């Protein structure tokens, strides 16, 4: 097996928001599974890599934005397990000066170092990536490849995410996770015990996520989306969120990312403060990784003269 099944450790923590009582919860440290293929990307790629190898593909092709965790993880996985990798990247302006782009973009720089070949396309064309015509053109240009969808979510990815929870996690009442494309929460939902529920925290604004999740899950009555904590949309953050991420790290030593886990933990803490989560319920938050995106976000924050996110290499 290319990526072995791993059981991540749960870490108990106590976080004290300013002016409030301490909050106790547990975090499943999926971010520690692998240095570059961490968190939910490890789970999503596991069975897709296995399928690609069994079908004798030597190339992986996938899609993503310029700061995509999935792009970085796919490039790292290809480098480690002998696949060529191709990234179809949203934003044709990035191709005008690739050297400058790689110098300014930590995510693409990391993917490039791991051998990924890029094709930059305009945003209008990118919206057509799911069409047969678009895919046929890619096959014509690049030849044979194993296609991994944007964000990595498909049935094999959901299968991998069904392995996030283990036997030691049955004691928890609520499992909390951040949501991008819906694959991670779908796998968790399918692996729940009868007394458990999932609270999903979307990283983006939109009402389409429920229907995306319903494509992969067996039930509708054990999960709920908390839509109040996307901070305006995907990759949108503000000074309040940055301060929370930094305070959380200072108190617990756990690094959160600003796109996914930061918003999730902010939401959990806010719900506890407001009494929306009853006292005594046992909460397990899934740390799904995504830490490679912090450097790119800090560049944006600096350009706006906003406080930056404290990192382990500061």
C-alpha atoms as a PDB file:
ATOM      1  CA  UNK A   1       0.000   0.000   0.000  1.00  0.00           C
ATOM      2  CA  UNK A   2       1.413   3.382  -1.026  1.00  0.00           C
ATOM      3  CA  UNK A   3       0.188   5.425   1.946  1.00  0.00           C
ATOM      4  CA  UNK A   4      -0.264   3.147   4.975  1.00  0.00           C
ATOM      5  CA  UNK A   5      -3.286   3.405   7.236  1.00  0.00           C
ATOM      6  CA  UNK A   6      -2.362   5.585  10.200  1.00  0.00           C
ATOM      7  CA  UNK A   7      -4.100   6.429  13.447  1.00  0.00           C
ATOM      8  CA  UNK A   8      -3.492  10.019  14.504  1.00  0.00           C
ATOM      9  CA  UNK A   9      -3.228  11.017  18.145  1.00  0.00           C
ATOM     10  CA  UNK A  10      -5.839  12.966  20.072  1.00  0.00           C
ATOM     11  CA  UNK A  11      -4.579  15.889  22.112  1.00  0.00           C
ATOM     12  CA  UNK A  12      -6.495  17.303  25.065  1.00  0.00           C
ATOM     13  CA  UNK A  13      -6.355  21.062  25.451  1.00  0.00           C
ATOM     14  CA  UNK A  14      -7.826  23.859  27.479  1.00  0.00           C
ATOM     15  CA  UNK A  15      -8.301  27.240  25.824  1.00  0.00           C
ATOM     16  CA  UNK A  16      -9.409  30.347  27.705  1.00  0.00           C
ATOM     17  CA  UNK A  17     -10.994  33.094  25.585  1.00  0.00           C
ATOM     18  CA  UNK A  18     -10.464  36.585  26.970  1.00  0.00           C
ATOM     19  CA  UNK A  19     -13.125  37.295  29.566  1.00  0.00           C
ATOM     20  CA  UNK A  20     -14.610  33.780  29.518  1.00  0.00           C
ATOM     21  CA  UNK A  21     -14.306  30.489  31.341  1.00  0.00           C
ATOM     22  CA  UNK A  22     -11.772  27.894  30.104  1.00  0.00           C
ATOM     23  CA  UNK A  23     -12.984  25.605  27.309  1.00  0.00           C
ATOM     24  CA  UNK A  24     -11.887  21.971  27.184  1.00  0.00           C
ATOM     25  CA  UNK A  25     -11.849  19.945  23.989  1.00  0.00           C
ATOM     26  CA  UNK A  26      -9.780  17.392  22.136  1.00  0.00           C
ATOM     27  CA  UNK A  27      -8.074  17.779  18.778  1.00  0.00           C
ATOM     28  CA  UNK A  28      -7.240  14.891  16.466  1.00  0.00           C
ATOM     29  CA  UNK A  29      -3.807  15.723  15.088  1.00  0.00           C
ATOM     30  CA  UNK A  30      -4.221  14.680  11.455  1.00  0.00           C
ATOM     31  CA  UNK A  31      -1.810  17.501  10.611  1.00  0.00           C
ATOM     32  CA  UNK A  32       1.041  15.337  11.945  1.00  0.00           C
ATOM     33  CA  UNK A  33       0.493  12.381   9.584  1.00  0.00           C
ATOM     34  CA  UNK A  34       3.078  13.510   7.010  1.00  0.00           C
ATOM     35  CA  UNK A  35       5.309  16.585   6.534  1.00  0.00           C
ATOM     36  CA  UNK A  36       3.846  17.506   3.123  1.00  0.00           C
ATOM     37  CA  UNK A  37       0.853  15.176   2.584  1.00  0.00           C
ATOM     38  CA  UNK A  38      -0.792  16.057   5.864  1.00  0.00           C
ATOM     39  CA  UNK A  39      -4.265  15.872   7.287  1.00  0.00           C
ATOM     40  CA  UNK A  40      -7.231  15.212   5.051  1.00  0.00           C
ATOM     41  CA  UNK A  41      -5.026  15.302   1.927  1.00  0.00           C
ATOM     42  CA  UNK A  42      -3.279  12.174   3.167  1.00  0.00           C
ATOM     43  CA  UNK A  43      -6.659  10.477   3.569  1.00  0.00           C
ATOM     44  CA  UNK A  44      -8.044  11.682   0.248  1.00  0.00           C
ATOM     45  CA  UNK A  45      -5.004  10.676  -1.781  1.00  0.00           C
ATOM     46  CA  UNK A  46      -4.441   7.295  -0.143  1.00  0.00           C
ATOM     47  CA  UNK A  47      -6.813   5.176  -2.224  1.00  0.00           C
ATOM     48  CA  UNK A  48      -6.503   7.367  -5.314  1.00  0.00           C
ATOM     49  CA  UNK A  49      -2.741   6.733  -5.404  1.00  0.00           C
ATOM     50  CA  UNK A  50      -3.369   3.035  -4.928  1.00  0.00           C
ATOM     51  CA  UNK A  51      -5.870   3.012  -7.809  1.00  0.00           C
ATOM     52  CA  UNK A  52      -3.490   4.924 -10.078  1.00  0.00           C
ATOM     53  CA  UNK A  53      -0.694   2.457  -9.365  1.00  0.00           C
ATOM     54  CA  UNK A  54      -2.933  -0.590  -9.934  1.00  0.00           C
ATOM     55  CA  UNK A  55      -4.114   0.866 -13.256  1.00  0.00           C
ATOM     56  CA  UNK A  56      -0.496   1.453 -14.324  1.00  0.00           C
ATOM     57  CA  UNK A  57      -0.701   5.230 -14.551  1.00  0.00           C
ATOM     58  CA  UNK A  58       2.559   7.102 -14.144  1.00  0.00           C
ATOM     59  CA  UNK A  59       1.053  10.612 -14.122  1.00  0.00           C
ATOM     60  CA  UNK A  60      -1.413  12.381 -11.832  1.00  0.00           C
ATOM     61  CA  UNK A  61      -3.322  15.416 -13.103  1.00  0.00           C
ATOM     62  CA  UNK A  62      -5.389  17.650 -10.878  1.00  0.00           C
ATOM     63  CA  UNK A  63      -6.781  21.166 -10.458  1.00  0.00           C
ATOM     64  CA  UNK A  64      -6.479  23.983  -7.956  1.00  0.00           C
ATOM     65  CA  UNK A  65      -5.943  27.607  -7.125  1.00  0.00           C
ATOM     66  CA  UNK A  66      -2.582  29.241  -6.650  1.00  0.00           C
ATOM     67  CA  UNK A  67      -2.507  28.522  -2.886  1.00  0.00           C
ATOM     68  CA  UNK A  68      -4.224  25.134  -2.915  1.00  0.00           C
ATOM     69  CA  UNK A  69      -3.317  22.623  -0.191  1.00  0.00           C
ATOM     70  CA  UNK A  70      -4.394  19.908  -2.598  1.00  0.00           C
ATOM     71  CA  UNK A  71      -1.965  21.046  -5.297  1.00  0.00           C
ATOM     72  CA  UNK A  72       0.923  21.054  -2.827  1.00  0.00           C
ATOM     73  CA  UNK A  73       0.000  17.647  -1.404  1.00  0.00           C
ATOM     74  CA  UNK A  74      -0.474  16.003  -4.808  1.00  0.00           C
ATOM     75  CA  UNK A  75       2.922  17.232  -5.977  1.00  0.00           C
ATOM     76  CA  UNK A  76       4.553  15.916  -2.794  1.00  0.00           C
ATOM     77  CA  UNK A  77       2.811  12.551  -3.132  1.00  0.00           C
ATOM     78  CA  UNK A  78       3.877  12.234  -6.746  1.00  0.00           C
ATOM     79  CA  UNK A  79       7.459  13.035  -5.859  1.00  0.00           C
ATOM     80  CA  UNK A  80       7.509  10.497  -3.027  1.00  0.00           C
ATOM     81  CA  UNK A  81       5.790   7.629  -4.819  1.00  0.00           C
ATOM     82  CA  UNK A  82       7.099   7.914  -8.366  1.00  0.00           C
ATOM     83  CA  UNK A  83       4.309   9.731 -10.221  1.00  0.00           C
ATOM     84  CA  UNK A  84       4.710  12.641 -12.578  1.00  0.00           C
ATOM     85  CA  UNK A  85       2.293  15.410 -11.604  1.00  0.00           C
ATOM     86  CA  UNK A  86       0.457  18.058 -13.588  1.00  0.00           C
ATOM     87  CA  UNK A  87      -1.422  20.937 -11.967  1.00  0.00           C
ATOM     88  CA  UNK A  88      -4.073  22.862 -13.875  1.00  0.00           C
ATOM     89  CA  UNK A  89      -3.919  26.176 -12.034  1.00  0.00           C
ATOM     90  CA  UNK A  90      -6.627  28.847 -11.993  1.00  0.00           C
ATOM     91  CA  UNK A  91      -5.237  32.202 -13.136  1.00  0.00           C
ATOM     92  CA  UNK A  92      -3.456  32.583 -16.485  1.00  0.00           C
ATOM     93  CA  UNK A  93      -1.811  35.817 -15.296  1.00  0.00           C
ATOM     94  CA  UNK A  94       0.488  33.682 -13.131  1.00  0.00           C
ATOM     95  CA  UNK A  95       2.183  32.288 -16.249  1.00  0.00           C
ATOM     96  CA  UNK A  96       3.408  35.664 -17.534  1.00  0.00           C
ATOM     97  CA  UNK A  97       6.492  35.559 -15.323  1.00  0.00           C
ATOM     98  CA  UNK A  98       6.796  32.084 -13.820  1.00  0.00           C
ATOM     99  CA  UNK A  99      10.063  32.836 -12.031  1.00  0.00           C
ATOM    100  CA  UNK A 100       8.446  35.782 -10.272  1.00  0.00           C
ATOM    101  CA  UNK A 101       5.323  33.746  -9.523  1.00  0.00           C
ATOM    102  CA  UNK A 102       7.342  30.959  -7.898  1.00  0.00           C
ATOM    103  CA  UNK A 103       9.359  33.464  -5.902  1.00  0.00           C
ATOM    104  CA  UNK A 104       6.226  35.108  -4.533  1.00  0.00           C
ATOM    105  CA  UNK A 105       4.023  32.025  -4.102  1.00  0.00           C
ATOM    106  CA  UNK A 106       5.147  29.499  -1.450  1.00  0.00           C
ATOM    107  CA  UNK A 107       2.549  26.902  -2.479  1.00  0.00           C
ATOM    108  CA  UNK A 108       3.450  26.790  -6.159  1.00  0.00           C
ATOM    109  CA  UNK A 109       7.131  26.989  -5.284  1.00  0.00           C
ATOM    110  CA  UNK A 110       6.787  23.889  -3.087  1.00  0.00           C
ATOM    111  CA  UNK A 111       4.830  22.037  -5.776  1.00  0.00           C
ATOM    112  CA  UNK A 112       7.428  23.012  -8.385  1.00  0.00           C
ATOM    113  CA  UNK A 113      10.244  21.730  -6.177  1.00  0.00           C
ATOM    114  CA  UNK A 114       8.397  18.423  -5.984  1.00  0.00           C
ATOM    115  CA  UNK A 115       8.364  18.209  -9.767  1.00  0.00           C
ATOM    116  CA  UNK A 116       4.852  19.363 -10.662  1.00  0.00           C
ATOM    117  CA  UNK A 117       4.319  20.706 -14.178  1.00  0.00           C
ATOM    118  CA  UNK A 118       1.871  23.620 -14.387  1.00  0.00           C
ATOM    119  CA  UNK A 119      -0.719  24.675 -16.920  1.00  0.00           C
ATOM    120  CA  UNK A 120      -2.213  28.072 -16.042  1.00  0.00           C
ATOM    121  CA  UNK A 121      -5.653  28.836 -17.463  1.00  0.00           C
ATOM    122  CA  UNK A 122      -8.038  31.769 -17.259  1.00  0.00           C
ATOM    123  CA  UNK A 123     -10.907  31.683 -14.805  1.00  0.00           C
ATOM    124  CA  UNK A 124     -13.620  31.350 -17.435  1.00  0.00           C
ATOM    125  CA  UNK A 125     -11.975  28.244 -18.885  1.00  0.00           C
ATOM    126  CA  UNK A 126     -11.334  26.874 -15.408  1.00  0.00           C
ATOM    127  CA  UNK A 127     -15.073  26.767 -14.728  1.00  0.00           C
ATOM    128  CA  UNK A 128     -15.388  24.287 -17.606  1.00  0.00           C
ATOM    129  CA  UNK A 129     -12.903  21.783 -16.167  1.00  0.00           C
ATOM    130  CA  UNK A 130     -15.642  19.241 -15.425  1.00  0.00           C
ATOM    131  CA  UNK A 131     -16.802  19.035 -19.059  1.00  0.00           C
ATOM    132  CA  UNK A 132     -15.905  16.230 -21.446  1.00  0.00           C
ATOM    133  CA  UNK A 133     -14.594  18.704 -24.012  1.00  0.00           C
ATOM    134  CA  UNK A 134     -12.196  20.215 -21.499  1.00  0.00           C
ATOM    135  CA  UNK A 135     -10.928  16.824 -20.341  1.00  0.00           C
ATOM    136  CA  UNK A 136     -10.527  15.594 -23.919  1.00  0.00           C
ATOM    137  CA  UNK A 137      -8.292  18.578 -24.642  1.00  0.00           C
ATOM    138  CA  UNK A 138      -6.166  17.712 -21.614  1.00  0.00           C
ATOM    139  CA  UNK A 139      -5.782  14.111 -22.778  1.00  0.00           C
ATOM    140  CA  UNK A 140      -4.795  15.396 -26.205  1.00  0.00           C
ATOM    141  CA  UNK A 141      -2.176  17.697 -24.699  1.00  0.00           C
ATOM    142  CA  UNK A 142      -0.748  15.478 -21.951  1.00  0.00           C
ATOM    143  CA  UNK A 143      -1.573  11.923 -22.977  1.00  0.00           C
ATOM    144  CA  UNK A 144      -2.603   9.313 -20.411  1.00  0.00           C
ATOM    145  CA  UNK A 145      -3.039  10.395 -16.787  1.00  0.00           C
ATOM    146  CA  UNK A 146      -4.983   9.571 -13.633  1.00  0.00           C
ATOM    147  CA  UNK A 147      -7.363  12.447 -12.944  1.00  0.00           C
ATOM    148  CA  UNK A 148      -7.825  13.620  -9.373  1.00  0.00           C
ATOM    149  CA  UNK A 149     -10.611  16.210  -8.990  1.00  0.00           C
ATOM    150  CA  UNK A 150     -10.124  19.674  -7.512  1.00  0.00           C
ATOM    151  CA  UNK A 151      -9.744  19.381  -3.753  1.00  0.00           C
ATOM    152  CA  UNK A 152      -9.290  15.626  -4.149  1.00  0.00           C
ATOM    153  CA  UNK A 153     -12.893  14.691  -3.392  1.00  0.00           C
ATOM    154  CA  UNK A 154     -14.320  11.567  -5.033  1.00  0.00           C
ATOM    155  CA  UNK A 155     -15.566   8.194  -3.786  1.00  0.00           C
ATOM    156  CA  UNK A 156     -12.049   6.948  -3.085  1.00  0.00           C
ATOM    157  CA  UNK A 157     -11.260  10.122  -1.152  1.00  0.00           C
ATOM    158  CA  UNK A 158     -14.378   9.675   0.983  1.00  0.00           C
ATOM    159  CA  UNK A 159     -13.342   6.066   1.607  1.00  0.00           C
ATOM    160  CA  UNK A 160      -9.998   7.328   2.907  1.00  0.00           C
ATOM    161  CA  UNK A 161     -11.684   9.888   5.147  1.00  0.00           C
ATOM    162  CA  UNK A 162     -13.856   7.160   6.661  1.00  0.00           C
ATOM    163  CA  UNK A 163     -10.642   6.014   8.361  1.00  0.00           C
ATOM    164  CA  UNK A 164     -10.062   9.272  10.271  1.00  0.00           C
ATOM    165  CA  UNK A 165     -12.030   8.140  13.316  1.00  0.00           C
ATOM    166  CA  UNK A 166     -10.800   5.152  15.288  1.00  0.00           C
ATOM    167  CA  UNK A 167     -11.998   2.944  18.132  1.00  0.00           C
ATOM    168  CA  UNK A 168     -10.800   5.438  20.732  1.00  0.00           C
ATOM    169  CA  UNK A 169     -13.056   8.151  19.311  1.00  0.00           C
ATOM    170  CA  UNK A 170     -16.400   6.567  20.196  1.00  0.00           C
ATOM    171  CA  UNK A 171     -16.506   8.447  23.531  1.00  0.00           C
ATOM    172  CA  UNK A 172     -17.033  11.804  21.805  1.00  0.00           C
ATOM    173  CA  UNK A 173     -20.494  13.282  21.277  1.00  0.00           C
ATOM    174  CA  UNK A 174     -19.577  15.805  18.574  1.00  0.00           C
ATOM    175  CA  UNK A 175     -16.982  15.523  15.833  1.00  0.00           C
ATOM    176  CA  UNK A 176     -16.119  18.919  14.344  1.00  0.00           C
ATOM    177  CA  UNK A 177     -14.391  19.470  11.020  1.00  0.00           C
ATOM    178  CA  UNK A 178     -13.755  22.218   8.502  1.00  0.00           C
ATOM    179  CA  UNK A 179     -15.296  21.881   5.046  1.00  0.00           C
ATOM    180  CA  UNK A 180     -13.906  22.721   1.620  1.00  0.00           C
ATOM    181  CA  UNK A 181     -15.270  20.406  -1.059  1.00  0.00           C
ATOM    182  CA  UNK A 182     -17.140  18.142   1.370  1.00  0.00           C
ATOM    183  CA  UNK A 183     -15.113  14.945   1.073  1.00  0.00           C
ATOM    184  CA  UNK A 184     -13.687  14.921   4.580  1.00  0.00           C
ATOM    185  CA  UNK A 185     -16.965  15.473   6.398  1.00  0.00           C
ATOM    186  CA  UNK A 186     -18.640  12.858   4.189  1.00  0.00           C
ATOM    187  CA  UNK A 187     -16.166  10.194   5.242  1.00  0.00           C
ATOM    188  CA  UNK A 188     -16.536  11.141   8.896  1.00  0.00           C
ATOM    189  CA  UNK A 189     -20.334  11.046   8.672  1.00  0.00           C
ATOM    190  CA  UNK A 190     -20.210   7.536   7.226  1.00  0.00           C
ATOM    191  CA  UNK A 191     -18.031   6.278  10.080  1.00  0.00           C
ATOM    192  CA  UNK A 192     -19.998   7.729  13.005  1.00  0.00           C
ATOM    193  CA  UNK A 193     -21.478   5.677  15.810  1.00  0.00           C
ATOM    194  CA  UNK A 194     -25.207   6.016  16.476  1.00  0.00           C
ATOM    195  CA  UNK A 195     -24.792   8.462  19.393  1.00  0.00           C
ATOM    196  CA  UNK A 196     -22.463  10.833  17.528  1.00  0.00           C
ATOM    197  CA  UNK A 197     -23.055  13.886  15.356  1.00  0.00           C
ATOM    198  CA  UNK A 198     -20.817  15.974  13.089  1.00  0.00           C
ATOM    199  CA  UNK A 199     -20.654  19.746  13.098  1.00  0.00           C
ATOM    200  CA  UNK A 200     -19.214  20.982   9.818  1.00  0.00           C
ATOM    201  CA  UNK A 201     -17.705  24.456   9.459  1.00  0.00           C
ATOM    202  CA  UNK A 202     -17.669  25.591   5.802  1.00  0.00           C
ATOM    203  CA  UNK A 203     -14.644  27.627   4.770  1.00  0.00           C
ATOM    204  CA  UNK A 204     -16.613  29.261   1.970  1.00  0.00           C
ATOM    205  CA  UNK A 205     -19.942  30.992   1.550  1.00  0.00           C
ATOM    206  CA  UNK A 206     -22.641  29.145  -0.364  1.00  0.00           C
ATOM    207  CA  UNK A 207     -25.651  26.865  -0.060  1.00  0.00           C
ATOM    208  CA  UNK A 208     -24.404  24.132  -2.393  1.00  0.00           C
ATOM    209  CA  UNK A 209     -22.356  22.159   0.135  1.00  0.00           C
ATOM    210  CA  UNK A 210     -25.264  20.160   1.545  1.00  0.00           C
ATOM    211  CA  UNK A 211     -26.103  18.700  -1.856  1.00  0.00           C
ATOM    212  CA  UNK A 212     -22.421  17.910  -2.478  1.00  0.00           C
ATOM    213  CA  UNK A 213     -22.163  16.050   0.829  1.00  0.00           C
ATOM    214  CA  UNK A 214     -25.407  14.174   0.210  1.00  0.00           C
ATOM    215  CA  UNK A 215     -23.825  12.559  -2.855  1.00  0.00           C
ATOM    216  CA  UNK A 216     -21.520  10.544  -0.603  1.00  0.00           C
ATOM    217  CA  UNK A 217     -23.276   9.972   2.736  1.00  0.00           C
ATOM    218  CA  UNK A 218     -25.746   7.365   3.920  1.00  0.00           C
ATOM    219  CA  UNK A 219     -27.849   9.552   6.204  1.00  0.00           C
ATOM    220  CA  UNK A 220     -28.958  13.147   6.731  1.00  0.00           C
ATOM    221  CA  UNK A 221     -29.807  13.159  10.434  1.00  0.00           C
ATOM    222  CA  UNK A 222     -26.391  13.039  12.107  1.00  0.00           C
ATOM    223  CA  UNK A 223     -24.683  16.124  10.684  1.00  0.00           C
ATOM    224  CA  UNK A 224     -25.189  19.850  10.599  1.00  0.00           C
ATOM    225  CA  UNK A 225     -23.432  22.745   8.871  1.00  0.00           C
ATOM    226  CA  UNK A 226     -22.470  25.808  10.895  1.00  0.00           C
ATOM    227  CA  UNK A 227     -22.547  28.527   8.244  1.00  0.00           C
ATOM    228  CA  UNK A 228     -21.785  31.579  10.380  1.00  0.00           C
ATOM    229  CA  UNK A 229     -18.005  31.233  10.457  1.00  0.00           C
ATOM    230  CA  UNK A 230     -16.725  31.549   6.879  1.00  0.00           C
ATOM    231  CA  UNK A 231     -15.636  35.180   7.460  1.00  0.00           C
ATOM    232  CA  UNK A 232     -17.017  36.327   4.130  1.00  0.00           C
ATOM    233  CA  UNK A 233     -15.972  33.475   1.877  1.00  0.00           C
ATOM    234  CA  UNK A 234     -13.124  31.223   0.843  1.00  0.00           C
ATOM    235  CA  UNK A 235      -9.690  32.563   1.866  1.00  0.00           C
ATOM    236  CA  UNK A 236     -11.375  35.613   3.423  1.00  0.00           C
ATOM    237  CA  UNK A 237     -10.107  36.494   6.882  1.00  0.00           C
ATOM    238  CA  UNK A 238      -9.925  39.546   9.125  1.00  0.00           C
ATOM    239  CA  UNK A 239      -7.903  40.847  12.056  1.00  0.00           C
ATOM    240  CA  UNK A 240     -10.224  39.162  14.569  1.00  0.00           C
ATOM    241  CA  UNK A 241      -9.497  35.728  13.120  1.00  0.00           C
ATOM    242  CA  UNK A 242      -5.750  36.376  12.985  1.00  0.00           C
ATOM    243  CA  UNK A 243      -5.749  37.412  16.644  1.00  0.00           C
ATOM    244  CA  UNK A 244      -7.705  34.287  17.577  1.00  0.00           C
ATOM    245  CA  UNK A 245      -5.299  31.987  15.704  1.00  0.00           C
ATOM    246  CA  UNK A 246      -2.312  33.623  17.390  1.00  0.00           C
ATOM    247  CA  UNK A 247      -3.877  33.539  20.850  1.00  0.00           C
ATOM    248  CA  UNK A 248      -4.873  29.903  20.377  1.00  0.00           C
ATOM    249  CA  UNK A 249      -1.314  29.013  19.407  1.00  0.00           C
ATOM    250  CA  UNK A 250       0.176  30.931  22.325  1.00  0.00           C
ATOM    251  CA  UNK A 251      -2.076  29.114  24.788  1.00  0.00           C
ATOM    252  CA  UNK A 252      -2.057  25.597  23.319  1.00  0.00           C
ATOM    253  CA  UNK A 253       1.073  25.520  21.056  1.00  0.00           C
ATOM    254  CA  UNK A 254      -1.164  24.194  18.234  1.00  0.00           C
ATOM    255  CA  UNK A 255      -0.795  25.919  14.866  1.00  0.00           C
ATOM    256  CA  UNK A 256      -4.058  26.571  13.019  1.00  0.00           C
ATOM    257  CA  UNK A 257      -4.395  27.605   9.398  1.00  0.00           C
ATOM    258  CA  UNK A 258      -6.464  30.656   8.389  1.00  0.00           C
ATOM    259  CA  UNK A 259      -8.536  28.971   5.660  1.00  0.00           C
ATOM    260  CA  UNK A 260      -9.958  25.922   7.423  1.00  0.00           C
ATOM    261  CA  UNK A 261      -8.999  24.955  10.973  1.00  0.00           C
ATOM    262  CA  UNK A 262      -8.769  28.524  12.252  1.00  0.00           C
ATOM    263  CA  UNK A 263     -12.361  29.205  11.248  1.00  0.00           C
ATOM    264  CA  UNK A 264     -13.518  25.865  12.679  1.00  0.00           C
ATOM    265  CA  UNK A 265     -11.925  26.428  16.093  1.00  0.00           C
ATOM    266  CA  UNK A 266     -13.154  30.034  16.152  1.00  0.00           C
ATOM    267  CA  UNK A 267     -16.647  28.663  15.546  1.00  0.00           C
ATOM    268  CA  UNK A 268     -16.398  26.001  18.251  1.00  0.00           C
ATOM    269  CA  UNK A 269     -15.183  28.529  20.812  1.00  0.00           C
ATOM    270  CA  UNK A 270     -17.888  31.018  19.834  1.00  0.00           C
ATOM    271  CA  UNK A 271     -20.609  28.363  20.107  1.00  0.00           C
ATOM    272  CA  UNK A 272     -19.340  27.374  23.552  1.00  0.00           C
ATOM    273  CA  UNK A 273     -19.266  31.014  24.680  1.00  0.00           C
ATOM    274  CA  UNK A 274     -22.864  31.508  23.497  1.00  0.00           C
ATOM    275  CA  UNK A 275     -24.087  28.321  25.153  1.00  0.00           C
ATOM    276  CA  UNK A 276     -24.905  26.614  21.844  1.00  0.00           C
ATOM    277  CA  UNK A 277     -22.892  23.575  22.922  1.00  0.00           C
ATOM    278  CA  UNK A 278     -24.109  22.167  26.218  1.00  0.00           C
ATOM    279  CA  UNK A 279     -21.804  21.770  29.176  1.00  0.00           C
ATOM    280  CA  UNK A 280     -20.468  18.270  29.519  1.00  0.00           C
ATOM    281  CA  UNK A 281     -20.622  17.284  25.848  1.00  0.00           C
ATOM    282  CA  UNK A 282     -17.396  15.773  24.593  1.00  0.00           C
ATOM    283  CA  UNK A 283     -16.002  17.478  21.491  1.00  0.00           C
ATOM    284  CA  UNK A 284     -13.343  16.184  19.098  1.00  0.00           C
ATOM    285  CA  UNK A 285     -12.079  18.679  16.510  1.00  0.00           C
ATOM    286  CA  UNK A 286     -10.313  17.319  13.439  1.00  0.00           C
ATOM    287  CA  UNK A 287      -7.100  19.172  12.588  1.00  0.00           C
ATOM    288  CA  UNK A 288      -7.052  18.646   8.830  1.00  0.00           C
ATOM    289  CA  UNK A 289      -3.659  20.243   8.159  1.00  0.00           C
ATOM    290  CA  UNK A 290      -3.362  23.002   5.563  1.00  0.00           C
ATOM    291  CA  UNK A 291      -0.508  24.730   7.341  1.00  0.00           C
ATOM    292  CA  UNK A 292       1.500  25.247   4.144  1.00  0.00           C
ATOM    293  CA  UNK A 293      -0.948  27.999   3.186  1.00  0.00           C
ATOM    294  CA  UNK A 294      -0.003  30.275   6.079  1.00  0.00           C
ATOM    295  CA  UNK A 295       3.027  31.811   4.381  1.00  0.00           C
ATOM    296  CA  UNK A 296       0.981  32.861   1.377  1.00  0.00           C
ATOM    297  CA  UNK A 297      -1.742  34.329   3.572  1.00  0.00           C
ATOM    298  CA  UNK A 298       0.836  36.255   5.588  1.00  0.00           C
ATOM    299  CA  UNK A 299       2.077  37.848   2.368  1.00  0.00           C
ATOM    300  CA  UNK A 300      -1.449  39.103   1.718  1.00  0.00           C
ATOM    301  CA  UNK A 301      -1.806  40.365   5.282  1.00  0.00           C
ATOM    302  CA  UNK A 302       1.486  42.263   5.082  1.00  0.00           C
ATOM    303  CA  UNK A 303       0.364  43.924   1.834  1.00  0.00           C
ATOM    304  CA  UNK A 304      -2.752  45.163   3.667  1.00  0.00           C
ATOM    305  CA  UNK A 305      -0.791  46.322   6.737  1.00  0.00           C
ATOM    306  CA  UNK A 306      -2.611  43.797   8.919  1.00  0.00           C
ATOM    307  CA  UNK A 307      -1.194  41.628  11.724  1.00  0.00           C
ATOM    308  CA  UNK A 308       0.286  38.336  10.533  1.00  0.00           C
ATOM    309  CA  UNK A 309      -0.148  34.780  11.756  1.00  0.00           C
ATOM    310  CA  UNK A 310       2.549  33.555  14.120  1.00  0.00           C
ATOM    311  CA  UNK A 311       4.237  30.414  12.802  1.00  0.00           C
ATOM    312  CA  UNK A 312       6.654  27.855  14.179  1.00  0.00           C
ATOM    313  CA  UNK A 313       9.491  29.332  12.109  1.00  0.00           C
ATOM    314  CA  UNK A 314       8.974  32.927  13.290  1.00  0.00           C
END
